Amino acid sequence: MGKIENPILRALVHLALIGCCIFCITPLLWAFLNSIKFPVEANEIVPSIVGFTPTMSNYEKLWLYMKGSDFVPIAISYLIVMAIIVILYRVNRKKEYLTSAKSGLIVITILVILLLILPQIAHMSKFYKYLINSVIITIATLAISISIGCLGGYALARYSGILSMVILISALAFRSLPRMAFGLPFYFFAQKSGLYDTHIFITIVLVALNQPFTIWMLRSFFKELPLELEQAAMIDGASRLQSFLKIIIPIAWPGIITTSLFTLLLAYNEFLMAKLLMQSNWTLPVAIVSYTSGEDAAYRTIAAAASVSITLPLIIVITFFQKHLVRGMASGAVKG
């Protein structure tokens, strides 16, 4: 698409884009404003954008069973540790002490450990337990889905027979069915297998539901890679698996990151299956409903704080991998 030369048309395009951005970001800003209001101010007939008294009590009630002032030193210590981790990660990327995959895995492992030990240091509320459930289920779903998706997508990209199209169309048809169609069979199987309300079963279900998406998306990235790359590696003595791991995966890494982020979003925001298959080990989307379904108007501000809280991790992850995401969505691979 060429550059728009007409200044008036260019200004209209810019205004339309600004309007779309404002329209998209307004719900999050509105939720943030409600999260720092007292319930009386949040439930006014004429809502106020300015002129109210901000408070952090909603976040304190949501996350803590202790005073916020007592939690401040712990929060500062955690922020310092996370800042050190980010600095070391940046230094490692520049000096290449470790590969990016290994360093990223180390960072994720340290962050998960910090999350798990926090309840041993501070009196966290049940909502923090739901955060841990979401993190465990999301990471497990992501790891399994991408592992299977890479192998399946690569195989279907290299095999052009009729069976390949049958598998792809079947996967697409499975993904197109409404989620409610799977609710009763999964619930029945969970009850009969004794896996109801467990992390293992909800992870298996999310992998099954999201696997067609990962296979289709990764297949499109692998399809763009020239076959001559792996053929050259196999001529030099590498097996097909070695050429896949050492040649194809590094080149397709932006596409894998892009697919991983979309898979993460799908697993992290899943509500229906988590609601049907989890009785006590809720995830964050299910937990928010407990604050919005009550008749007490005071829960409205806590629900807003919960909405903002569960959005922040996604914003951090997307910002952290923004370069890979843009590169993967723009091209996905190299063309021969």
Protein backbone atom coordinates (compact mmCIF):
# COMPACT_ATOMS: atom_id res chain seq x y z
CA MET A 1 0.00 0.00 0.00
CA GLY A 2 1.47 3.32 -1.05
CA LYS A 3 1.74 6.45 1.02
CA ILE A 4 -1.34 8.68 1.08
CA GLU A 5 -0.33 11.95 -0.58
CA ASN A 6 -3.52 13.91 0.04
CA PRO A 7 -3.06 15.71 3.41
CA ILE A 8 -6.78 15.87 4.11
CA LEU A 9 -7.25 12.15 3.50
CA ARG A 10 -4.15 11.40 5.59
CA ALA A 11 -5.56 13.49 8.45
CA LEU A 12 -8.88 11.62 8.24
CA VAL A 13 -7.07 8.29 8.38
CA HIS A 14 -5.11 9.43 11.44
CA LEU A 15 -8.28 10.64 13.14
CA ALA A 16 -9.98 7.30 12.42
CA LEU A 17 -7.03 5.38 13.90
CA ILE A 18 -6.96 7.62 16.98
CA GLY A 19 -10.71 7.11 17.40
CA CYS A 20 -10.29 3.32 17.18
CA CYS A 21 -7.51 3.42 19.80
CA ILE A 22 -9.63 5.52 22.15
CA PHE A 23 -12.60 3.21 21.63
CA CYS A 24 -10.49 0.11 22.40
CA ILE A 25 -8.71 1.50 25.46
CA THR A 26 -11.75 3.20 27.07
CA PRO A 27 -13.12 0.04 28.83
CA LEU A 28 -9.76 -0.60 30.50
CA LEU A 29 -9.42 3.03 31.58
CA TRP A 30 -13.00 3.00 32.89
CA ALA A 31 -12.34 -0.16 34.87
CA PHE A 32 -9.16 1.39 36.30
CA LEU A 33 -11.05 4.52 37.39
CA ASN A 34 -13.71 2.40 39.12
CA SER A 35 -11.01 0.31 40.79
CA ILE A 36 -9.57 3.36 42.58
CA LYS A 37 -12.94 4.74 43.71
CA PHE A 38 -14.94 4.13 46.85
CA PRO A 39 -18.18 2.18 46.19
CA VAL A 40 -20.32 5.29 46.78
CA GLU A 41 -18.45 7.23 44.10
CA ALA A 42 -18.37 4.31 41.67
CA ASN A 43 -22.16 3.85 41.87
CA GLU A 44 -23.12 7.48 41.34
CA ILE A 45 -25.86 8.15 38.79
CA VAL A 46 -23.60 10.60 37.00
CA PRO A 47 -20.16 8.95 36.95
CA SER A 48 -17.19 11.17 37.72
CA ILE A 49 -13.92 11.03 35.82
CA VAL A 50 -12.11 13.61 37.97
CA GLY A 51 -12.75 15.12 41.36
CA PHE A 52 -13.04 11.88 43.35
CA THR A 53 -10.80 10.65 46.15
CA PRO A 54 -8.57 7.83 44.84
CA THR A 55 -8.03 4.78 47.03
CA MET A 56 -6.14 1.50 46.79
CA SER A 57 -8.41 -0.25 49.29
CA ASN A 58 -10.12 -2.26 46.53
CA TYR A 59 -6.82 -3.84 45.49
CA GLU A 60 -5.99 -4.44 49.17
CA LYS A 61 -9.31 -6.25 49.74
CA LEU A 62 -8.86 -8.22 46.53
CA TRP A 63 -5.33 -9.53 47.12
CA LEU A 64 -4.53 -9.35 50.83
CA TYR A 65 -5.63 -10.67 54.19
CA MET A 66 -3.29 -8.16 55.82
CA LYS A 67 -2.82 -4.40 55.93
CA GLY A 68 -1.52 -2.81 52.77
CA SER A 69 1.11 -0.89 54.73
CA ASP A 70 2.56 -4.19 56.03
CA PHE A 71 2.73 -5.57 52.49
CA VAL A 72 4.60 -2.59 51.03
CA PRO A 73 8.13 -3.77 52.08
CA ILE A 74 7.45 -7.22 50.60
CA ALA A 75 6.19 -5.67 47.36
CA ILE A 76 9.26 -3.42 47.11
CA SER A 77 11.56 -6.42 47.66
CA TYR A 78 9.79 -8.36 44.91
CA LEU A 79 10.02 -5.42 42.52
CA ILE A 80 13.76 -5.11 43.18
CA VAL A 81 14.28 -8.83 42.52
CA MET A 82 12.25 -8.66 39.30
CA ALA A 83 14.18 -5.57 38.17
CA ILE A 84 17.46 -7.44 38.74
CA ILE A 85 16.14 -10.41 36.73
CA VAL A 86 15.19 -8.13 33.82
CA ILE A 87 18.61 -6.40 33.90
CA LEU A 88 20.44 -9.73 33.91
CA TYR A 89 18.26 -10.94 31.04
CA ARG A 90 19.13 -7.83 29.02
CA VAL A 91 22.84 -8.25 29.76
CA ASN A 92 22.67 -11.92 28.77
CA ARG A 93 20.98 -11.04 25.47
CA LYS A 94 23.73 -8.58 24.60
CA LYS A 95 26.69 -10.78 25.62
CA GLU A 96 25.07 -14.11 24.70
CA TYR A 97 26.16 -16.12 27.73
CA LEU A 98 23.14 -18.38 27.13
CA THR A 99 20.80 -18.95 24.26
CA SER A 100 17.65 -16.84 24.27
CA ALA A 101 15.47 -19.93 24.80
CA LYS A 102 17.45 -21.07 27.86
CA SER A 103 17.63 -17.59 29.37
CA GLY A 104 13.89 -17.07 28.81
CA LEU A 105 13.16 -20.43 30.46
CA ILE A 106 15.32 -19.46 33.44
CA VAL A 107 13.50 -16.13 33.81
CA ILE A 108 10.08 -17.81 33.66
CA THR A 109 11.17 -20.43 36.22
CA ILE A 110 12.41 -17.77 38.66
CA LEU A 111 9.20 -15.74 38.30
CA VAL A 112 7.03 -18.81 38.92
CA ILE A 113 9.08 -19.65 42.03
CA LEU A 114 8.62 -16.09 43.30
CA LEU A 115 4.87 -16.39 42.81
CA LEU A 116 4.70 -19.73 44.62
CA ILE A 117 6.65 -18.63 47.70
CA LEU A 118 4.82 -15.31 48.16
CA PRO A 119 1.96 -16.87 50.24
CA GLN A 120 4.64 -18.17 52.64
CA ILE A 121 5.77 -14.58 53.24
CA ALA A 122 2.52 -12.62 53.14
CA HIS A 123 -1.13 -13.35 53.94
CA MET A 124 -2.59 -13.47 50.46
CA SER A 125 -6.31 -13.80 49.73
CA LYS A 126 -8.06 -16.53 47.76
CA PHE A 127 -7.78 -14.43 44.62
CA TYR A 128 -4.03 -15.01 44.69
CA LYS A 129 -4.68 -18.76 44.71
CA TYR A 130 -6.78 -18.28 41.58
CA LEU A 131 -3.86 -16.42 40.00
CA ILE A 132 -1.57 -19.38 40.73
CA ASN A 133 -4.16 -21.73 39.19
CA SER A 134 -4.30 -19.59 36.05
CA VAL A 135 -0.50 -19.44 35.78
CA ILE A 136 -0.09 -23.22 36.18
CA ILE A 137 -2.85 -24.07 33.71
CA THR A 138 -1.75 -21.47 31.17
CA ILE A 139 1.94 -22.47 31.22
CA ALA A 140 1.10 -26.18 31.00
CA THR A 141 -1.36 -25.62 28.15
CA LEU A 142 1.13 -23.41 26.32
CA ALA A 143 4.02 -25.88 26.64
CA ILE A 144 2.00 -28.89 25.46
CA SER A 145 0.13 -27.05 22.70
CA ILE A 146 3.25 -25.51 21.16
CA SER A 147 5.23 -28.77 21.37
CA ILE A 148 2.51 -30.74 19.59
CA GLY A 149 1.70 -27.82 17.27
CA CYS A 150 5.29 -27.46 16.07
CA LEU A 151 5.59 -31.15 15.21
CA GLY A 152 2.10 -31.38 13.70
CA GLY A 153 2.37 -28.10 11.81
CA TYR A 154 5.77 -29.01 10.38
CA ALA A 155 4.60 -32.47 9.31
CA LEU A 156 1.48 -31.09 7.61
CA ALA A 157 3.50 -28.33 5.95
CA ARG A 158 5.89 -30.84 4.39
CA TYR A 159 3.30 -33.51 3.51
CA SER A 160 1.01 -32.42 0.67
CA GLY A 161 -1.12 -35.55 0.27
CA ILE A 162 -4.88 -35.81 0.53
CA LEU A 163 -4.61 -37.07 4.12
CA SER A 164 -2.99 -33.77 5.11
CA MET A 165 -6.01 -31.79 3.87
CA VAL A 166 -8.41 -34.20 5.60
CA ILE A 167 -6.61 -33.67 8.93
CA LEU A 168 -6.52 -29.90 8.49
CA ILE A 169 -10.20 -29.62 7.53
CA SER A 170 -11.19 -31.93 10.40
CA ALA A 171 -9.19 -29.80 12.85
CA LEU A 172 -10.81 -26.64 11.50
CA ALA A 173 -14.28 -28.16 11.80
CA PHE A 174 -13.53 -29.22 15.39
CA ARG A 175 -12.34 -25.69 16.23
CA SER A 176 -15.44 -24.15 14.63
CA LEU A 177 -17.90 -25.97 16.90
CA PRO A 178 -19.31 -23.94 19.82
CA ARG A 179 -17.64 -24.53 23.17
CA MET A 180 -20.92 -25.57 24.77
CA ALA A 181 -21.03 -28.61 22.49
CA PHE A 182 -18.00 -30.00 24.35
CA GLY A 183 -19.19 -29.08 27.82
CA LEU A 184 -21.31 -32.15 28.64
CA PRO A 185 -18.90 -34.79 27.21
CA PHE A 186 -15.94 -33.28 29.02
CA TYR A 187 -17.92 -32.97 32.28
CA PHE A 188 -19.09 -36.60 32.04
CA PHE A 189 -15.56 -37.84 31.37
CA ALA A 190 -14.14 -35.74 34.23
CA GLN A 191 -16.65 -37.21 36.68
CA LYS A 192 -16.08 -40.80 35.57
CA SER A 193 -12.27 -40.51 35.52
CA GLY A 194 -12.03 -38.78 38.90
CA LEU A 195 -10.20 -35.83 37.34
CA TYR A 196 -12.95 -33.29 37.98
CA ASP A 197 -11.65 -30.03 39.51
CA THR A 198 -8.00 -30.82 38.75
CA HIS A 199 -5.34 -28.87 36.90
CA ILE A 200 -4.48 -31.90 34.80
CA PHE A 201 -7.90 -32.32 33.24
CA ILE A 202 -8.56 -28.64 32.47
CA THR A 203 -5.10 -28.49 30.87
CA ILE A 204 -5.91 -31.51 28.67
CA VAL A 205 -9.22 -29.92 27.67
CA LEU A 206 -7.65 -26.56 26.78
CA VAL A 207 -4.93 -28.30 24.77
CA ALA A 208 -7.56 -30.26 22.86
CA LEU A 209 -9.63 -27.15 22.15
CA ASN A 210 -6.73 -24.92 21.12
CA GLN A 211 -4.59 -27.49 19.28
CA PRO A 212 -6.27 -27.01 15.87
CA PHE A 213 -5.50 -23.29 16.07
CA THR A 214 -1.83 -23.83 16.89
CA ILE A 215 -1.41 -26.46 14.16
CA TRP A 216 -3.03 -24.29 11.49
CA MET A 217 -1.06 -21.20 12.48
CA LEU A 218 2.32 -22.95 12.78
CA ARG A 219 1.73 -24.82 9.53
CA SER A 220 1.38 -21.47 7.74
CA PHE A 221 4.75 -20.33 9.14
CA PHE A 222 6.54 -23.60 8.30
CA LYS A 223 4.97 -23.62 4.83
CA GLU A 224 6.87 -20.41 3.96
CA LEU A 225 10.26 -21.94 4.79
CA PRO A 226 12.23 -23.22 1.77
CA LEU A 227 12.63 -26.99 1.71
CA GLU A 228 16.25 -26.57 0.56
CA LEU A 229 17.31 -25.46 4.07
CA GLU A 230 16.63 -28.81 5.73
CA GLN A 231 17.73 -30.74 2.66
CA ALA A 232 21.12 -29.05 2.89
CA ALA A 233 21.34 -29.95 6.57
CA MET A 234 20.46 -33.59 5.88
CA ILE A 235 23.08 -33.75 3.11
CA ASP A 236 25.62 -32.64 5.74
CA GLY A 237 24.64 -35.62 7.92
CA ALA A 238 21.79 -34.27 10.08
CA SER A 239 18.66 -36.34 10.58
CA ARG A 240 15.24 -34.90 9.83
CA LEU A 241 14.65 -34.27 13.55
CA GLN A 242 18.03 -32.56 13.93
CA SER A 243 17.41 -30.35 10.91
CA PHE A 244 13.99 -29.48 12.33
CA LEU A 245 15.36 -28.56 15.77
CA LYS A 246 18.56 -26.81 14.68
CA ILE A 247 17.53 -25.23 11.37
CA ILE A 248 13.76 -24.84 11.10
CA ILE A 249 12.92 -23.90 14.70
CA PRO A 250 15.43 -20.97 14.95
CA ILE A 251 14.26 -19.53 11.63
CA ALA A 252 10.56 -19.91 12.51
CA TRP A 253 11.07 -18.58 16.05
CA PRO A 254 9.09 -15.30 15.49
CA GLY A 255 6.15 -17.34 14.22
CA ILE A 256 6.37 -19.70 17.20
CA ILE A 257 6.42 -16.74 19.59
CA THR A 258 3.38 -15.24 17.85
CA THR A 259 1.46 -18.50 18.05
CA SER A 260 2.52 -18.92 21.70
CA LEU A 261 1.14 -15.51 22.61
CA PHE A 262 -2.22 -16.20 21.00
CA THR A 263 -2.35 -19.62 22.68
CA LEU A 264 -1.51 -17.98 26.00
CA LEU A 265 -4.37 -15.51 25.57
CA LEU A 266 -6.84 -18.27 24.73
CA ALA A 267 -5.84 -20.38 27.74
CA TYR A 268 -5.53 -17.48 30.19
CA ASN A 269 -8.95 -16.01 29.33
CA GLU A 270 -10.88 -19.30 29.12
CA PHE A 271 -14.09 -19.04 31.15
CA LEU A 272 -16.67 -21.60 30.07
CA MET A 273 -14.63 -24.80 30.44
CA ALA A 274 -12.98 -23.55 33.64
CA LYS A 275 -16.42 -22.84 35.08
CA LEU A 276 -17.83 -26.24 34.09
CA LEU A 277 -14.85 -28.39 35.04
CA MET A 278 -13.53 -26.60 38.15
CA GLN A 279 -15.41 -26.47 41.44
CA SER A 280 -12.87 -24.90 43.79
CA ASN A 281 -9.65 -24.51 41.80
CA TRP A 282 -11.01 -21.55 39.87
CA THR A 283 -9.06 -19.51 37.37
CA LEU A 284 -9.09 -15.70 37.30
CA PRO A 285 -11.91 -15.22 34.73
CA VAL A 286 -14.18 -17.47 36.79
CA ALA A 287 -13.22 -15.75 40.04
CA ILE A 288 -14.20 -12.33 38.71
CA VAL A 289 -17.77 -13.54 38.20
CA SER A 290 -18.09 -14.09 41.94
CA TYR A 291 -17.66 -10.32 42.40
CA THR A 292 -20.02 -9.29 39.60
CA SER A 293 -22.92 -11.66 40.28
CA GLY A 294 -23.66 -10.48 43.83
CA GLU A 295 -26.24 -7.88 44.82
CA ASP A 296 -23.83 -5.88 46.99
CA ALA A 297 -22.86 -2.74 45.06
CA ALA A 298 -19.56 -2.59 46.97
CA TYR A 299 -18.29 -5.53 44.92
CA ARG A 300 -18.43 -3.44 41.77
CA THR A 301 -15.19 -1.66 42.61
CA ILE A 302 -13.50 -4.92 43.63
CA ALA A 303 -14.57 -6.48 40.32
CA ALA A 304 -13.02 -3.52 38.50
CA ALA A 305 -9.79 -4.00 40.46
CA ALA A 306 -9.84 -7.69 39.55
CA SER A 307 -10.33 -6.88 35.86
CA VAL A 308 -7.37 -4.50 35.85
CA SER A 309 -5.24 -6.96 37.83
CA ILE A 310 -5.69 -9.87 35.45
CA THR A 311 -5.03 -7.62 32.43
CA LEU A 312 -1.66 -6.33 33.66
CA PRO A 313 0.22 -9.66 33.27
CA LEU A 314 -0.97 -9.90 29.66
CA ILE A 315 0.16 -6.34 28.93
CA ILE A 316 3.59 -7.10 30.42
CA VAL A 317 3.97 -10.32 28.39
CA ILE A 318 2.84 -8.68 25.13
CA THR A 319 5.17 -5.72 25.73
CA PHE A 320 8.06 -8.07 26.53
CA PHE A 321 7.62 -10.04 23.30
CA GLN A 322 6.36 -7.17 21.14
CA LYS A 323 9.31 -7.28 18.73
CA HIS A 324 8.86 -11.01 18.09
CA LEU A 325 5.09 -10.59 17.78
CA VAL A 326 5.32 -7.84 15.17
CA ARG A 327 7.98 -9.73 13.22
CA GLY A 328 5.97 -12.96 13.30
CA MET A 329 2.71 -11.32 12.22
CA ALA A 330 4.47 -9.37 9.45
CA SER A 331 6.29 -12.26 7.85
CA GLY A 332 6.43 -15.41 9.98
CA ALA A 333 9.45 -16.80 8.17
CA VAL A 334 11.78 -16.25 5.27
CA LYS A 335 10.93 -17.00 1.69
CA GLY A 336 13.22 -18.77 -0.74
